[in-house]
Amino acid sequence: MASRRRLPVLALTALWALASCAQFLPVAPVPVPPERPDPPPPAASPLPPEPPREADPESLELKTYYRRVQEGLLAQGLLRTDGGGPDTPFGQRQLVENFVRIALYEEYTSVGGRMIARERASRLHRWEGPVRMSIEFGPTIPADKQVRDRNAIVGFAKRLSRITGLPIKQVSSGANFEVFVVNEAERRALVPRLRSTIPGMTETALSTLSDLQKSSYCLVFAIDDDTTGAYRRAVAIVRGEHPDLLTLSCIHEEIAQGLGLSNDSPAARPSIFNDDEEFGLLTTMDEYLLRMLYDRRLRSGMTEAEARPIAEEIAAELLGADS
């Protein structure tokens, strides 16, 4: 599961096209001359909601697979939801080193049109303006799952906004951070949409989305300004086949990663930015990392040499000089 989430920051955005139709009621002719007003025509009964479409066999097979994956992880004591505790202490030095590794390095590199796991130094990336988030579901996602997942995404976005001070609001149009919960065929169907709506969208990014291996549970892409490091657009993809905890884990990590924590580190503990899957949900350390990332003393585009001394100062304030 090492390839679970850590995918590159690439240009990607999409909009689900929503079709609508108008219902016209027949108009009764007016008698001439009228003796009394005709009663209005009976109101049309509202149409029942369209049931979700059936998932394809491949998606049903993946649903069984991910349920077993979640059961196996839980049986090993992984996917913890406690945020860390006495068994996972950390100090100032650990916090600084984890921040540098997670916020100022990238795990994937494009080589020959393919994304490969090769860590490289990067610059600090974050949003410098408000995040306008939309949530879209594929037509095979059951209604009850849509309600649970939407509530989870909205609630987590509010939490992230409190932590970072970054305005994050939900919108129905004009989004710059789009979250899709889709099953297998629906995810592949996004590719032509993205190709047509994003001029210059690389084939590497499109093939990553189209050919996503089942060992990759979810992913996020972001558009950054090469000169400033400021994010302008982001898209997160969460597999609709996941059971509840895996879904929530993807929501936590992908949206947090989409805010600028783009790498993993095996030394990060307690943290979701570690491929060992020990923690499934955002931890106390992760909250500190986000606070550091959005501290006003840092700025988009900083190198490690520029950001490290400031990160040390911020970490000392967050944890106390004696940590």
Protein backbone atom coordinates (compact mmCIF):
# COMPACT_ATOMS: atom_id res chain seq x y z
CA MET A 1 0.00 0.00 0.00
CA ALA A 2 2.98 2.27 -0.34
CA SER A 3 1.41 3.86 -3.39
CA ARG A 4 -1.81 4.51 -1.57
CA ARG A 5 -2.02 8.28 -1.81
CA ARG A 6 1.28 9.96 -2.50
CA LEU A 7 0.83 11.04 -6.08
CA PRO A 8 2.38 14.10 -7.73
CA VAL A 9 1.20 17.66 -7.74
CA LEU A 10 -0.03 17.99 -11.29
CA ALA A 11 -2.50 20.17 -13.15
CA LEU A 12 -5.95 18.64 -12.94
CA THR A 13 -9.46 19.89 -12.61
CA ALA A 14 -12.88 18.75 -13.70
CA LEU A 15 -16.56 19.55 -13.47
CA TRP A 16 -19.31 16.98 -13.48
CA ALA A 17 -21.95 18.01 -16.01
CA LEU A 18 -25.34 17.95 -14.35
CA ALA A 19 -28.31 17.55 -16.66
CA SER A 20 -31.65 19.06 -15.80
CA CYS A 21 -35.05 19.04 -17.42
CA ALA A 22 -38.18 21.16 -17.09
CA GLN A 23 -41.60 19.61 -16.60
CA PHE A 24 -44.44 21.34 -18.46
CA LEU A 25 -48.03 20.92 -17.32
CA PRO A 26 -50.94 20.90 -19.82
CA VAL A 27 -53.00 24.08 -19.90
CA ALA A 28 -56.77 23.55 -20.00
CA PRO A 29 -58.57 25.61 -22.70
CA VAL A 30 -60.69 28.52 -21.46
CA PRO A 31 -64.42 28.12 -22.37
CA VAL A 32 -66.08 30.99 -24.23
CA PRO A 33 -67.91 32.62 -22.59
CA PRO A 34 -66.99 31.28 -19.18
CA GLU A 35 -69.82 30.86 -16.74
CA ARG A 36 -67.44 30.44 -13.84
CA PRO A 37 -63.68 30.16 -13.52
CA ASP A 38 -62.44 26.73 -14.42
CA PRO A 39 -60.68 24.93 -11.59
CA PRO A 40 -56.93 24.86 -11.99
CA PRO A 41 -55.50 21.69 -13.47
CA PRO A 42 -54.41 19.17 -10.84
CA ALA A 43 -50.86 19.58 -9.72
CA ALA A 44 -48.53 17.02 -11.16
CA SER A 45 -47.15 14.54 -8.69
CA PRO A 46 -43.44 15.04 -8.11
CA LEU A 47 -41.28 12.53 -9.88
CA PRO A 48 -39.64 10.02 -7.52
CA PRO A 49 -35.88 10.40 -7.25
CA GLU A 50 -34.00 8.36 -9.78
CA PRO A 51 -32.42 5.34 -8.06
CA PRO A 52 -28.66 5.06 -8.24
CA ARG A 53 -27.36 3.13 -11.21
CA GLU A 54 -25.97 -0.31 -10.68
CA ALA A 55 -22.22 -0.53 -10.15
CA ASP A 56 -20.37 -2.64 -12.71
CA PRO A 57 -18.88 -6.06 -11.78
CA GLU A 58 -15.36 -4.63 -11.54
CA SER A 59 -16.53 -2.07 -9.02
CA LEU A 60 -18.38 -4.70 -6.99
CA GLU A 61 -15.23 -6.80 -6.91
CA LEU A 62 -13.21 -3.81 -5.69
CA LYS A 63 -15.78 -3.14 -3.00
CA THR A 64 -15.19 -6.63 -1.61
CA TYR A 65 -11.43 -6.22 -1.92
CA TYR A 66 -11.31 -2.92 -0.01
CA ARG A 67 -13.59 -4.23 2.70
CA ARG A 68 -11.10 -7.04 3.28
CA VAL A 69 -8.21 -4.58 3.20
CA GLN A 70 -9.84 -2.46 5.91
CA GLU A 71 -10.58 -5.53 8.03
CA GLY A 72 -6.97 -6.66 7.71
CA LEU A 73 -5.56 -3.27 8.69
CA LEU A 74 -7.84 -3.02 11.71
CA ALA A 75 -6.90 -6.54 12.79
CA GLN A 76 -3.26 -5.37 12.88
CA GLY A 77 -4.12 -2.34 15.03
CA LEU A 78 -3.64 0.06 12.12
CA LEU A 79 -5.82 2.90 10.81
CA ARG A 80 -5.84 4.41 14.28
CA THR A 81 -8.32 7.21 14.86
CA ASP A 82 -7.06 8.53 18.21
CA GLY A 83 -4.80 11.25 16.80
CA GLY A 84 -1.76 9.95 18.67
CA GLY A 85 -1.24 9.57 22.39
CA PRO A 86 1.26 8.82 25.15
CA ASP A 87 2.71 5.99 23.06
CA THR A 88 3.60 8.38 20.22
CA PRO A 89 5.40 11.39 21.74
CA PHE A 90 7.26 13.85 19.56
CA GLY A 91 9.42 16.89 20.16
CA GLN A 92 10.55 20.06 18.42
CA ARG A 93 13.31 18.45 16.37
CA GLN A 94 10.99 15.74 15.07
CA LEU A 95 8.35 18.31 14.19
CA VAL A 96 10.81 20.44 12.21
CA GLU A 97 12.33 17.50 10.35
CA ASN A 98 8.92 16.10 9.48
CA PHE A 99 7.75 19.49 8.26
CA VAL A 100 10.78 19.90 6.00
CA ARG A 101 10.43 16.40 4.58
CA ILE A 102 6.66 16.54 4.04
CA ALA A 103 6.20 20.18 2.93
CA LEU A 104 9.44 20.75 1.01
CA TYR A 105 9.96 17.44 -0.81
CA GLU A 106 7.88 15.53 -3.35
CA GLU A 107 7.60 11.77 -3.57
CA TYR A 108 6.89 11.31 -7.27
CA THR A 109 8.75 12.39 -10.40
CA SER A 110 7.68 12.24 -14.03
CA VAL A 111 10.08 10.09 -16.08
CA GLY A 112 9.35 9.11 -19.68
CA GLY A 113 5.68 9.94 -19.38
CA ARG A 114 5.23 7.88 -16.22
CA MET A 115 5.12 8.84 -12.57
CA ILE A 116 7.68 6.97 -10.51
CA ALA A 117 8.43 7.06 -6.78
CA ARG A 118 11.59 9.16 -6.67
CA GLU A 119 11.83 11.76 -3.92
CA ARG A 120 13.17 15.17 -4.89
CA ALA A 121 13.57 18.53 -3.22
CA SER A 122 10.83 21.01 -3.96
CA ARG A 123 9.60 24.39 -2.77
CA LEU A 124 6.95 25.28 -0.25
CA HIS A 125 3.47 25.11 -1.76
CA ARG A 126 0.25 26.36 -0.24
CA TRP A 127 -2.89 28.33 -1.04
CA GLU A 128 -2.61 32.09 -0.83
CA GLY A 129 -6.29 32.77 -1.45
CA PRO A 130 -9.63 31.31 -0.36
CA VAL A 131 -10.47 27.71 -1.20
CA ARG A 132 -13.84 27.18 -2.89
CA MET A 133 -14.64 23.49 -2.56
CA SER A 134 -17.20 21.44 -4.46
CA ILE A 135 -18.21 17.81 -3.90
CA GLU A 136 -19.50 15.56 -6.67
CA PHE A 137 -20.61 11.93 -6.59
CA GLY A 138 -20.79 9.41 -9.38
CA PRO A 139 -24.28 8.18 -10.32
CA THR A 140 -23.65 4.70 -8.85
CA ILE A 141 -22.85 6.02 -5.36
CA PRO A 142 -25.80 5.15 -3.05
CA ALA A 143 -27.70 8.05 -1.52
CA ASP A 144 -26.89 7.13 2.07
CA LYS A 145 -23.16 7.00 1.29
CA GLN A 146 -23.39 10.37 -0.43
CA VAL A 147 -24.87 11.89 2.73
CA ARG A 148 -22.18 10.37 4.99
CA ASP A 149 -19.31 11.30 2.72
CA ARG A 150 -20.53 14.83 2.08
CA ASN A 151 -20.93 15.45 5.80
CA ALA A 152 -17.44 14.07 6.42
CA ILE A 153 -15.87 16.27 3.73
CA VAL A 154 -17.67 19.43 4.82
CA GLY A 155 -16.85 18.84 8.49
CA PHE A 156 -13.20 18.13 7.78
CA ALA A 157 -12.89 21.20 5.55
CA LYS A 158 -14.21 23.35 8.42
CA ARG A 159 -11.65 21.79 10.75
CA LEU A 160 -8.83 22.49 8.31
CA SER A 161 -9.97 26.08 7.97
CA ARG A 162 -9.83 26.53 11.75
CA ILE A 163 -6.36 24.98 11.93
CA THR A 164 -4.81 26.94 9.07
CA GLY A 165 -6.79 30.18 9.09
CA LEU A 166 -7.38 29.58 5.38
CA PRO A 167 -10.92 30.40 4.23
CA ILE A 168 -12.52 27.18 2.92
CA LYS A 169 -16.15 27.28 1.84
CA GLN A 170 -18.45 24.94 -0.03
CA VAL A 171 -19.72 26.12 -3.41
CA SER A 172 -21.94 24.71 -6.14
CA SER A 173 -20.12 26.52 -8.94
CA GLY A 174 -16.82 28.29 -9.45
CA ALA A 175 -14.87 25.77 -7.36
CA ASN A 176 -11.09 25.77 -7.25
CA PHE A 177 -10.82 22.57 -5.16
CA GLU A 178 -13.02 19.76 -6.43
CA VAL A 179 -13.60 16.50 -4.61
CA PHE A 180 -14.97 13.51 -6.54
CA VAL A 181 -16.26 10.29 -4.99
CA VAL A 182 -16.54 7.86 -7.89
CA ASN A 183 -16.56 4.19 -8.70
CA GLU A 184 -14.20 2.56 -11.19
CA ALA A 185 -15.94 3.34 -14.49
CA GLU A 186 -16.88 6.83 -13.32
CA ARG A 187 -13.26 7.62 -12.49
CA ARG A 188 -12.15 6.59 -15.97
CA ALA A 189 -14.95 8.68 -17.46
CA LEU A 190 -13.37 11.76 -15.90
CA VAL A 191 -10.39 11.51 -18.25
CA PRO A 192 -12.04 12.88 -21.43
CA ARG A 193 -13.73 15.56 -19.36
CA LEU A 194 -10.39 16.70 -18.01
CA ARG A 195 -8.77 16.52 -21.41
CA SER A 196 -11.45 18.81 -22.84
CA THR A 197 -11.75 21.23 -19.94
CA ILE A 198 -8.07 21.65 -19.07
CA PRO A 199 -5.98 22.87 -22.01
CA GLY A 200 -2.47 21.51 -21.76
CA MET A 201 -3.40 18.73 -19.37
CA THR A 202 -0.50 16.29 -19.61
CA GLU A 203 -1.02 12.75 -20.80
CA THR A 204 1.03 11.63 -17.80
CA ALA A 205 -1.56 13.06 -15.44
CA LEU A 206 -4.44 11.66 -17.48
CA SER A 207 -2.94 8.18 -17.63
CA THR A 208 -2.32 8.26 -13.87
CA LEU A 209 -6.01 8.86 -13.34
CA SER A 210 -7.13 6.38 -16.00
CA ASP A 211 -4.85 3.50 -15.03
CA LEU A 212 -4.99 3.86 -11.24
CA GLN A 213 -3.87 0.61 -9.64
CA LYS A 214 -6.03 -0.82 -6.89
CA SER A 215 -3.11 -0.42 -4.48
CA SER A 216 -3.63 3.34 -4.86
CA TYR A 217 -6.70 4.13 -2.80
CA CYS A 218 -7.15 7.79 -3.65
CA LEU A 219 -5.21 10.71 -5.06
CA VAL A 220 -5.03 14.47 -5.31
CA PHE A 221 -3.69 16.72 -8.03
CA ALA A 222 -3.02 20.44 -7.69
CA ILE A 223 -2.04 23.29 -9.97
CA ASP A 224 0.74 25.44 -8.62
CA ASP A 225 2.35 28.56 -9.96
CA ASP A 226 5.91 27.65 -10.93
CA THR A 227 7.19 31.08 -9.96
CA THR A 228 5.45 31.51 -6.60
CA GLY A 229 4.48 28.02 -5.44
CA ALA A 230 0.91 29.17 -4.75
CA TYR A 231 -1.82 26.65 -5.50
CA ARG A 232 -4.66 27.79 -7.72
CA ARG A 233 -6.65 24.61 -8.39
CA ALA A 234 -6.86 21.11 -6.94
CA VAL A 235 -8.82 17.93 -7.53
CA ALA A 236 -9.13 14.99 -5.14
CA ILE A 237 -10.37 11.58 -6.23
CA VAL A 238 -11.75 9.14 -3.64
CA ARG A 239 -12.78 5.64 -4.66
CA GLY A 240 -16.48 5.04 -4.11
CA GLU A 241 -15.83 1.35 -3.41
CA HIS A 242 -14.22 2.02 -0.03
CA PRO A 243 -15.87 1.12 3.27
CA ASP A 244 -16.46 3.97 5.69
CA LEU A 245 -13.11 4.17 7.50
CA LEU A 246 -11.00 3.90 4.34
CA THR A 247 -13.18 6.60 2.78
CA LEU A 248 -12.69 8.86 5.78
CA SER A 249 -8.95 8.17 5.78
CA CYS A 250 -8.72 9.18 2.11
CA ILE A 251 -10.73 12.34 2.77
CA HIS A 252 -8.39 13.37 5.58
CA GLU A 253 -5.14 12.72 3.78
CA GLU A 254 -6.02 13.87 0.27
CA ILE A 255 -7.59 17.17 1.26
CA ALA A 256 -4.77 17.90 3.72
CA GLN A 257 -2.23 17.00 1.05
CA GLY A 258 -4.06 19.25 -1.39
CA LEU A 259 -3.38 22.15 0.97
CA GLY A 260 0.39 21.69 0.57
CA LEU A 261 1.69 18.73 2.60
CA SER A 262 2.65 16.79 -0.51
CA ASN A 263 5.09 14.12 0.66
CA ASP A 264 5.33 11.11 2.96
CA SER A 265 8.03 10.35 5.49
CA PRO A 266 8.65 7.02 7.24
CA ALA A 267 9.88 9.03 10.25
CA ALA A 268 6.61 10.95 10.65
CA ARG A 269 4.82 9.59 13.72
CA PRO A 270 2.10 10.06 14.77
CA SER A 271 1.01 11.14 11.30
CA ILE A 272 -1.13 10.20 8.33
CA PHE A 273 1.77 11.31 6.10
CA ASN A 274 3.43 7.93 6.49
CA ASP A 275 2.72 4.92 4.30
CA ASP A 276 2.75 2.49 7.22
CA GLU A 277 -1.02 3.10 7.67
CA GLU A 278 -0.71 3.25 11.46
CA PHE A 279 -2.93 6.31 11.58
CA GLY A 280 -6.04 6.69 9.47
CA LEU A 281 -7.13 10.19 10.49
CA LEU A 282 -5.41 13.54 11.00
CA THR A 283 -3.27 13.52 14.14
CA THR A 284 -2.08 16.16 16.58
CA MET A 285 1.29 16.29 14.82
CA ASP A 286 -0.45 16.77 11.47
CA GLU A 287 -2.35 19.73 12.89
CA TYR A 288 0.96 21.29 13.94
CA LEU A 289 2.36 20.70 10.45
CA LEU A 290 -0.61 22.51 8.91
CA ARG A 291 -0.30 25.40 11.34
CA MET A 292 3.37 25.72 10.44
CA LEU A 293 2.61 25.59 6.72
CA TYR A 294 0.17 28.48 6.95
CA ASP A 295 2.14 30.60 9.39
CA ARG A 296 2.53 34.11 7.95
CA ARG A 297 6.28 34.03 8.46
CA LEU A 298 6.54 31.43 5.71
CA ARG A 299 5.68 32.11 2.08
CA SER A 300 4.98 30.08 -1.03
CA GLY A 301 8.04 29.22 -3.10
CA MET A 302 10.53 29.05 -0.22
CA THR A 303 13.37 26.54 -0.43
CA GLU A 304 14.42 24.30 2.43
CA ALA A 305 17.31 26.66 3.27
CA GLU A 306 14.91 29.58 3.50
CA ALA A 307 12.11 27.80 5.34
CA ARG A 308 13.98 25.65 7.85
CA PRO A 309 15.09 28.38 10.31
CA ILE A 310 11.59 29.84 10.32
CA ALA A 311 10.08 26.39 10.83
CA GLU A 312 12.37 25.89 13.83
CA GLU A 313 11.14 29.15 15.34
CA ILE A 314 7.49 28.24 14.78
CA ALA A 315 7.92 24.71 16.16
CA ALA A 316 9.55 26.09 19.30
CA GLU A 317 6.56 28.36 19.86
CA LEU A 318 4.05 25.56 19.22
CA LEU A 319 5.67 23.02 21.54
CA GLY A 320 7.53 25.20 23.99
CA ALA A 321 11.26 25.78 24.27
CA ASP A 322 11.74 22.76 26.59
CA SER A 323 10.35 20.15 24.15
